[in-house]
Amino acid sequence: MVVGVADTVRLGFVGTGDRAFEEMRDLVGMPDVVLAGFCDVAADRCAAALARVNAVLAESGRPPIDVPFFADVREMCEAVPLDGVYVSVPPFAHGPVEHAILDGGRALFVEKPVALDPGMAREIAAHARQAGVVTAVGYQLRYFPGILRARELLQGRTVGLCIANRFGGVPGAPWWRVQSRSGGMLIEQHTHGVDLLRFLAGEVETVYAQADTRLLADLPGLDIADVNAATLRFASGAVGTIANSCALVDGLRLPGADGLYILAQGLALALHGTGGTAHFDGGAREDLPGGGGGNAAMNAAFVHALRTGDRSRILSDYDDGLRTFEVTHAAHRSAVEGRVVRPGVAP
């Protein structure tokens, strides 16, 4: 649904945890944006999210808001006029939620990863195209100035090598340790690194991966790979690697190991978080800006599209987010099956 430029944009949320609050905090600072409905299987999370939002409003001297709570997404969509809905649920909970939102003709914003099952994600993508609604996926790193500058510097250059690394620990949520619930670190967390590879270097054509549980086998309830490495071939001909591990526990650290590195014709990029450095042939160097603003820009792009119908500021719609998921899922399949896999191609 597209509203007029001067109209209020009314938004709902399915899932009201920490990540959802990051979006809410941006949205309540935008003029004529209303948080109109919260849906969560746990009503106390809705109440906690509303309290945090009202604390943000109080800090800036604005009055508190009241938002109705729901346990069922269809009930929320039927009871509350909404222009768009943010979906911020664990990976295993995708599917029925998105279809319920799309059945009502609402715009759809989905936090990463878009699903755990490629078939389900493709069905959602087809439903969204059929509904003709605005969609977006929460790959906020694309919107940061340093990343956008890196993309600009790569235009017209031949890319040779791309590397994306992520090393960390095990989050506290019990479902994160279970492959069938989270998809593992590569699909649930390192999806950001893989997405930036696509954003900066183009589509991935083939993946060959190896993974295992080597270091955390004794951790209760864990069945995900704790080490993963993949080799990529891009459609452009560039080659790349992905490496990740969630085995940095008990104080283990790998300083400076996380990041994304691209070697292109006359240019070497080292990206860490939202900024980094660009090194040019001849010895010149450019510091790429870090800092904030990317998440707010992502939410502003979604709201702008709802107000005007102009989707050009959305840097990852659902179809694009699906392609990133297909790369990470292909790497998982490759490690399980021991063969080269083409993202987006069914077994």
Protein backbone atom coordinates (compact mmCIF):
# COMPACT_ATOMS: atom_id res chain seq x y z
CA MET A 1 0.00 0.00 0.00
CA VAL A 2 1.34 3.43 -0.93
CA VAL A 3 0.17 6.53 0.89
CA GLY A 4 0.41 10.14 -0.15
CA VAL A 5 3.47 12.21 0.61
CA ALA A 6 1.74 14.15 3.39
CA ASP A 7 0.01 11.14 4.97
CA THR A 8 0.93 9.35 8.14
CA VAL A 9 2.76 6.04 7.72
CA ARG A 10 1.43 3.41 10.12
CA LEU A 11 3.73 0.51 10.95
CA GLY A 12 3.37 -2.77 12.81
CA PHE A 13 5.94 -5.14 14.26
CA VAL A 14 5.95 -8.92 14.46
CA GLY A 15 8.63 -9.77 16.99
CA THR A 16 9.52 -7.05 19.49
CA GLY A 17 12.95 -7.99 20.80
CA ASP A 18 16.23 -6.10 20.70
CA ARG A 19 16.62 -5.96 16.94
CA ALA A 20 13.05 -4.71 16.49
CA PHE A 21 13.72 -1.97 19.03
CA GLU A 22 16.66 -0.71 16.96
CA GLU A 23 14.22 -0.08 14.11
CA MET A 24 11.56 1.40 16.40
CA ARG A 25 14.08 3.87 17.80
CA ASP A 26 14.77 5.19 14.29
CA LEU A 27 11.14 5.24 13.26
CA VAL A 28 9.77 7.24 16.19
CA GLY A 29 12.16 10.03 15.28
CA MET A 30 10.62 10.41 11.81
CA PRO A 31 7.77 12.85 11.24
CA ASP A 32 4.32 11.37 10.64
CA VAL A 33 5.41 7.79 11.35
CA VAL A 34 3.19 5.95 13.83
CA LEU A 35 3.94 2.65 15.56
CA ALA A 36 0.45 1.19 15.35
CA GLY A 37 0.66 -2.46 16.45
CA PHE A 38 3.01 -4.90 18.20
CA CYS A 39 2.70 -8.66 17.77
CA ASP A 40 4.70 -11.22 19.73
CA VAL A 41 4.14 -14.67 21.18
CA ALA A 42 5.26 -13.17 24.50
CA ALA A 43 3.14 -10.18 25.58
CA ASP A 44 5.82 -9.11 28.05
CA ARG A 45 8.21 -8.46 25.16
CA CYS A 46 5.65 -6.12 23.60
CA ALA A 47 5.35 -4.26 26.91
CA ALA A 48 9.12 -4.06 27.29
CA ALA A 49 9.54 -2.72 23.75
CA LEU A 50 6.88 -0.07 24.32
CA ALA A 51 8.55 1.00 27.58
CA ARG A 52 11.89 1.39 25.77
CA VAL A 53 10.28 3.41 22.97
CA ASN A 54 8.58 5.71 25.47
CA ALA A 55 11.88 6.20 27.29
CA VAL A 56 13.40 7.38 23.99
CA LEU A 57 10.49 9.76 23.48
CA ALA A 58 10.80 11.09 27.03
CA GLU A 59 14.48 11.86 26.51
CA SER A 60 13.54 14.24 23.69
CA GLY A 61 10.62 15.76 25.53
CA ARG A 62 7.93 14.08 23.45
CA PRO A 63 4.77 12.50 24.87
CA PRO A 64 4.49 8.73 25.30
CA ILE A 65 2.59 6.58 22.83
CA ASP A 66 0.22 3.67 23.35
CA VAL A 67 0.36 0.67 21.03
CA PRO A 68 -2.04 -2.31 21.03
CA PHE A 69 -0.52 -5.75 21.55
CA PHE A 70 -1.42 -8.92 19.65
CA ALA A 71 -0.41 -12.58 19.78
CA ASP A 72 -1.49 -13.34 16.19
CA VAL A 73 -0.30 -11.46 13.10
CA ARG A 74 -3.55 -11.91 11.16
CA GLU A 75 -5.49 -10.50 14.08
CA MET A 76 -3.20 -7.46 14.14
CA CYS A 77 -3.54 -6.89 10.39
CA GLU A 78 -7.33 -7.15 10.60
CA ALA A 79 -7.67 -4.93 13.68
CA VAL A 80 -5.22 -2.14 12.89
CA PRO A 81 -4.82 -0.03 9.73
CA LEU A 82 -1.21 -0.64 8.69
CA ASP A 83 0.87 0.47 5.72
CA GLY A 84 3.78 -1.83 6.45
CA VAL A 85 4.96 -4.48 8.90
CA TYR A 86 8.44 -5.23 10.21
CA VAL A 87 9.17 -8.92 10.76
CA SER A 88 11.83 -9.52 13.39
CA VAL A 89 11.52 -13.18 14.34
CA PRO A 90 14.01 -16.04 14.75
CA PRO A 91 14.92 -17.75 11.46
CA PHE A 92 12.75 -20.81 12.15
CA ALA A 93 9.60 -18.67 12.54
CA HIS A 94 9.51 -17.27 8.99
CA GLY A 95 6.84 -18.29 6.51
CA PRO A 96 3.27 -18.01 7.80
CA VAL A 97 4.02 -14.55 9.22
CA GLU A 98 5.09 -13.10 5.87
CA HIS A 99 2.21 -14.71 3.99
CA ALA A 100 -0.30 -13.28 6.49
CA ILE A 101 1.12 -9.78 6.01
CA LEU A 102 1.14 -10.10 2.23
CA ASP A 103 -2.41 -11.48 2.19
CA GLY A 104 -3.45 -8.15 3.68
CA GLY A 105 -1.56 -6.15 1.04
CA ARG A 106 0.87 -4.62 3.53
CA ALA A 107 4.43 -3.67 2.73
CA LEU A 108 6.98 -6.07 4.17
CA PHE A 109 10.29 -5.43 5.96
CA VAL A 110 12.10 -8.63 6.98
CA GLU A 111 15.17 -8.88 9.20
CA LYS A 112 17.91 -11.22 7.98
CA PRO A 113 18.07 -14.09 7.20
CA VAL A 114 14.83 -14.19 5.23
CA ALA A 115 14.22 -17.90 5.99
CA LEU A 116 15.86 -21.26 6.62
CA ASP A 117 14.26 -23.09 3.70
CA PRO A 118 14.93 -21.78 0.16
CA GLY A 119 11.65 -23.15 -1.16
CA MET A 120 9.70 -21.26 1.50
CA ALA A 121 11.65 -18.06 0.81
CA ARG A 122 10.97 -18.33 -2.92
CA GLU A 123 7.26 -18.73 -2.20
CA ILE A 124 7.31 -15.56 -0.09
CA ALA A 125 9.19 -13.72 -2.84
CA ALA A 126 6.62 -14.80 -5.42
CA HIS A 127 3.77 -13.79 -3.11
CA ALA A 128 5.31 -10.33 -2.61
CA ARG A 129 5.73 -9.83 -6.35
CA GLN A 130 2.13 -10.92 -6.93
CA ALA A 131 0.91 -8.54 -4.21
CA GLY A 132 2.93 -5.70 -5.72
CA VAL A 133 3.95 -4.36 -2.31
CA VAL A 134 7.12 -2.61 -1.20
CA THR A 135 9.63 -5.00 0.39
CA ALA A 136 12.94 -4.54 2.17
CA VAL A 137 15.41 -6.75 4.04
CA GLY A 138 17.46 -5.57 7.02
CA TYR A 139 20.96 -5.49 5.54
CA GLN A 140 21.79 -2.20 7.19
CA LEU A 141 25.52 -2.34 6.42
CA ARG A 142 24.77 -1.52 2.78
CA TYR A 143 23.59 1.94 3.82
CA PHE A 144 26.68 3.13 5.69
CA PRO A 145 28.75 5.84 3.96
CA GLY A 146 31.98 3.84 4.13
CA ILE A 147 30.41 0.85 2.39
CA LEU A 148 28.78 3.04 -0.25
CA ARG A 149 32.11 4.75 -0.89
CA ALA A 150 33.80 1.35 -1.29
CA ARG A 151 31.17 0.37 -3.85
CA GLU A 152 31.74 3.62 -5.72
CA LEU A 153 35.50 3.01 -5.82
CA LEU A 154 34.99 -0.48 -7.27
CA GLN A 155 32.88 0.71 -10.20
CA GLY A 156 34.62 -0.05 -13.48
CA ARG A 157 37.44 -2.01 -11.86
CA THR A 158 38.17 -5.71 -12.36
CA VAL A 159 37.73 -7.52 -9.05
CA GLY A 160 40.11 -10.40 -8.43
CA LEU A 161 39.82 -11.62 -4.84
CA CYS A 162 37.19 -11.21 -2.10
CA ILE A 163 37.49 -12.41 1.51
CA ALA A 164 34.84 -12.24 4.25
CA ASN A 165 35.72 -13.38 7.78
CA ARG A 166 33.70 -13.41 11.00
CA PHE A 167 34.83 -14.91 14.31
CA GLY A 168 32.89 -14.72 17.54
CA GLY A 169 31.17 -16.63 20.30
CA VAL A 170 27.82 -18.30 20.86
CA PRO A 171 24.83 -15.99 21.51
CA GLY A 172 22.70 -16.73 24.53
CA ALA A 173 19.47 -17.74 22.76
CA PRO A 174 19.13 -21.55 22.99
CA TRP A 175 17.67 -21.79 19.47
CA TRP A 176 20.84 -20.28 18.01
CA ARG A 177 22.79 -23.47 18.78
CA VAL A 178 20.43 -25.65 16.75
CA GLN A 179 20.90 -25.97 12.99
CA SER A 180 17.21 -26.49 12.27
CA ARG A 181 16.32 -23.36 14.28
CA SER A 182 19.01 -20.81 13.37
CA GLY A 183 20.81 -22.20 10.33
CA GLY A 184 24.12 -21.80 12.16
CA MET A 185 26.53 -18.90 12.28
CA LEU A 186 27.02 -18.62 8.53
CA ILE A 187 23.32 -18.31 7.73
CA GLU A 188 22.24 -16.33 10.80
CA GLN A 189 25.17 -13.97 11.46
CA HIS A 190 27.78 -14.06 8.71
CA THR A 191 24.99 -13.41 6.22
CA HIS A 192 26.01 -9.72 6.59
CA GLY A 193 29.52 -10.44 5.30
CA VAL A 194 28.20 -12.54 2.43
CA ASP A 195 25.67 -9.84 1.57
CA LEU A 196 28.42 -7.21 1.40
CA LEU A 197 30.41 -9.46 -0.94
CA ARG A 198 27.39 -9.56 -3.25
CA PHE A 199 26.76 -5.83 -2.89
CA LEU A 200 30.35 -4.93 -3.71
CA ALA A 201 31.54 -7.70 -6.05
CA GLY A 202 28.40 -9.09 -7.70
CA GLU A 203 26.60 -12.40 -7.83
CA VAL A 204 28.11 -15.68 -6.67
CA GLU A 205 28.03 -18.46 -9.26
CA THR A 206 29.39 -21.49 -7.37
CA VAL A 207 30.25 -22.43 -3.78
CA TYR A 208 32.38 -25.22 -2.36
CA ALA A 209 32.52 -25.46 1.44
CA GLN A 210 33.74 -27.53 4.35
CA ALA A 211 32.39 -27.28 7.90
CA ASP A 212 32.49 -29.24 11.13
CA THR A 213 31.95 -29.08 14.88
CA ARG A 214 35.52 -29.29 16.14
CA LEU A 215 35.83 -27.08 19.20
CA LEU A 216 32.39 -26.87 20.85
CA ALA A 217 31.22 -30.48 20.57
CA ASP A 218 30.73 -30.65 24.35
CA LEU A 219 28.58 -27.52 24.54
CA PRO A 220 25.06 -28.62 25.60
CA GLY A 221 22.40 -28.41 22.90
CA LEU A 222 24.78 -27.38 20.10
CA ASP A 223 24.63 -29.14 16.73
CA ILE A 224 25.77 -26.35 14.39
CA ALA A 225 29.19 -26.25 12.72
CA ASP A 226 31.61 -24.20 14.80
CA VAL A 227 34.12 -23.80 11.94
CA ASN A 228 33.22 -23.13 8.33
CA ALA A 229 35.20 -22.24 5.21
CA ALA A 230 34.02 -21.81 1.63
CA THR A 231 35.49 -20.98 -1.75
CA LEU A 232 33.43 -18.86 -4.12
CA ARG A 233 33.44 -18.18 -7.83
CA PHE A 234 31.66 -14.98 -8.82
CA ALA A 235 29.79 -14.52 -12.08
CA SER A 236 32.38 -11.87 -12.99
CA GLY A 237 35.16 -14.44 -12.72
CA ALA A 238 36.45 -13.18 -9.37
CA VAL A 239 37.22 -15.73 -6.67
CA GLY A 240 36.62 -15.45 -2.95
CA THR A 241 36.55 -17.10 0.44
CA ILE A 242 34.22 -17.05 3.41
CA ALA A 243 35.42 -18.15 6.86
CA ASN A 244 33.58 -18.06 10.16
CA SER A 245 33.63 -19.60 13.59
CA CYS A 246 31.56 -19.25 16.75
CA ALA A 247 34.25 -20.94 18.87
CA LEU A 248 35.71 -17.79 20.45
CA VAL A 249 34.52 -18.56 23.96
CA ASP A 250 36.19 -18.33 27.39
CA GLY A 251 38.04 -15.15 26.52
CA LEU A 252 39.47 -16.29 23.18
CA ARG A 253 40.13 -13.45 20.74
CA LEU A 254 41.42 -12.97 17.21
CA PRO A 255 42.22 -9.23 17.10
CA GLY A 256 41.68 -7.67 13.71
CA ALA A 257 40.57 -10.92 12.10
CA ASP A 258 36.99 -9.90 11.32
CA GLY A 259 36.43 -8.01 8.14
CA LEU A 260 35.98 -7.94 4.41
CA TYR A 261 38.87 -7.57 1.98
CA ILE A 262 38.73 -6.98 -1.77
CA LEU A 263 41.65 -6.90 -4.19
CA ALA A 264 40.72 -5.17 -7.44
CA GLN A 265 42.56 -3.62 -10.35
CA GLY A 266 44.61 -0.79 -8.83
CA LEU A 267 42.70 -0.95 -5.52
CA ALA A 268 42.82 -2.89 -2.25
CA LEU A 269 39.95 -2.50 0.23
CA ALA A 270 39.99 -3.45 3.90
CA LEU A 271 36.56 -3.04 5.52
CA HIS A 272 35.90 -3.46 9.22
CA GLY A 273 32.40 -2.85 10.50
CA THR A 274 31.05 0.21 8.69
CA GLY A 275 34.31 1.78 7.54
CA GLY A 276 37.84 0.90 6.57
CA THR A 277 40.64 1.90 4.22
CA ALA A 278 41.21 2.00 0.48
CA HIS A 279 44.74 1.62 -0.87
CA PHE A 280 45.53 2.61 -4.46
CA ASP A 281 48.37 1.76 -6.80
CA GLY A 282 51.04 4.39 -6.43
CA GLY A 283 50.69 4.44 -2.64
CA ALA A 284 47.69 6.71 -2.12
CA ARG A 285 45.29 5.87 0.69
CA GLU A 286 41.73 6.90 1.56
CA ASP A 287 40.08 6.38 4.92
CA LEU A 288 36.51 5.22 4.46
CA PRO A 289 34.11 6.78 6.97
CA GLY A 290 32.83 4.65 9.81
CA GLY A 291 30.31 5.71 12.40
CA GLY A 292 26.54 5.54 12.44
CA GLY A 293 23.65 6.48 10.23
CA GLY A 294 23.26 3.37 8.12
CA ASN A 295 20.42 1.83 10.08
CA ALA A 296 18.47 5.09 10.09
CA ALA A 297 19.05 5.47 6.34
CA MET A 298 17.71 1.96 5.76
CA ASN A 299 14.51 2.69 7.69
CA ALA A 300 14.11 6.07 6.04
CA ALA A 301 14.35 4.40 2.63
CA PHE A 302 11.53 2.00 3.53
CA VAL A 303 9.31 4.78 4.87
CA HIS A 304 10.06 6.94 1.82
CA ALA A 305 8.95 4.10 -0.45
CA LEU A 306 5.70 3.75 1.47
CA ARG A 307 5.02 7.48 1.26
CA THR A 308 5.89 8.01 -2.39
CA GLY A 309 6.10 4.67 -4.18
CA ASP A 310 9.75 5.39 -4.99
CA ARG A 311 11.71 2.23 -4.14
CA SER A 312 15.06 3.44 -5.50
CA ARG A 313 16.51 4.14 -2.05
CA ILE A 314 15.92 0.56 -0.86
CA LEU A 315 19.24 -1.21 -1.34
CA SER A 316 17.98 -4.73 -0.57
CA ASP A 317 14.43 -5.78 -1.36
CA TYR A 318 13.10 -9.27 -0.62
CA ASP A 319 14.31 -10.74 -3.91
CA ASP A 320 17.80 -9.43 -3.23
CA GLY A 321 17.79 -10.68 0.36
CA LEU A 322 16.73 -14.08 -0.97
CA ARG A 323 19.80 -14.22 -3.19
CA THR A 324 22.10 -13.60 -0.22
CA PHE A 325 20.35 -16.37 1.70
CA GLU A 326 20.75 -18.70 -1.28
CA VAL A 327 24.54 -18.18 -1.17
CA THR A 328 24.79 -19.00 2.54
CA HIS A 329 22.43 -21.96 2.16
CA ALA A 330 24.47 -23.20 -0.80
CA ALA A 331 27.58 -23.13 1.40
CA HIS A 332 25.76 -25.15 4.05
CA ARG A 333 24.58 -27.67 1.45
CA SER A 334 28.05 -27.92 -0.04
CA ALA A 335 29.59 -28.72 3.35
CA VAL A 336 26.95 -31.38 4.03
CA GLU A 337 27.03 -32.93 0.56
CA GLY A 338 30.74 -32.53 -0.20
CA ARG A 339 30.28 -31.00 -3.65
CA VAL A 340 30.16 -27.73 -5.53
CA VAL A 341 26.71 -26.07 -5.29
CA ARG A 342 25.18 -23.32 -7.42
CA PRO A 343 23.17 -20.85 -5.31
CA GLY A 344 19.50 -20.81 -6.22
CA VAL A 345 19.60 -24.17 -7.97
CA ALA A 346 17.50 -26.89 -6.33
CA PRO A 347 19.20 -30.20 -5.40
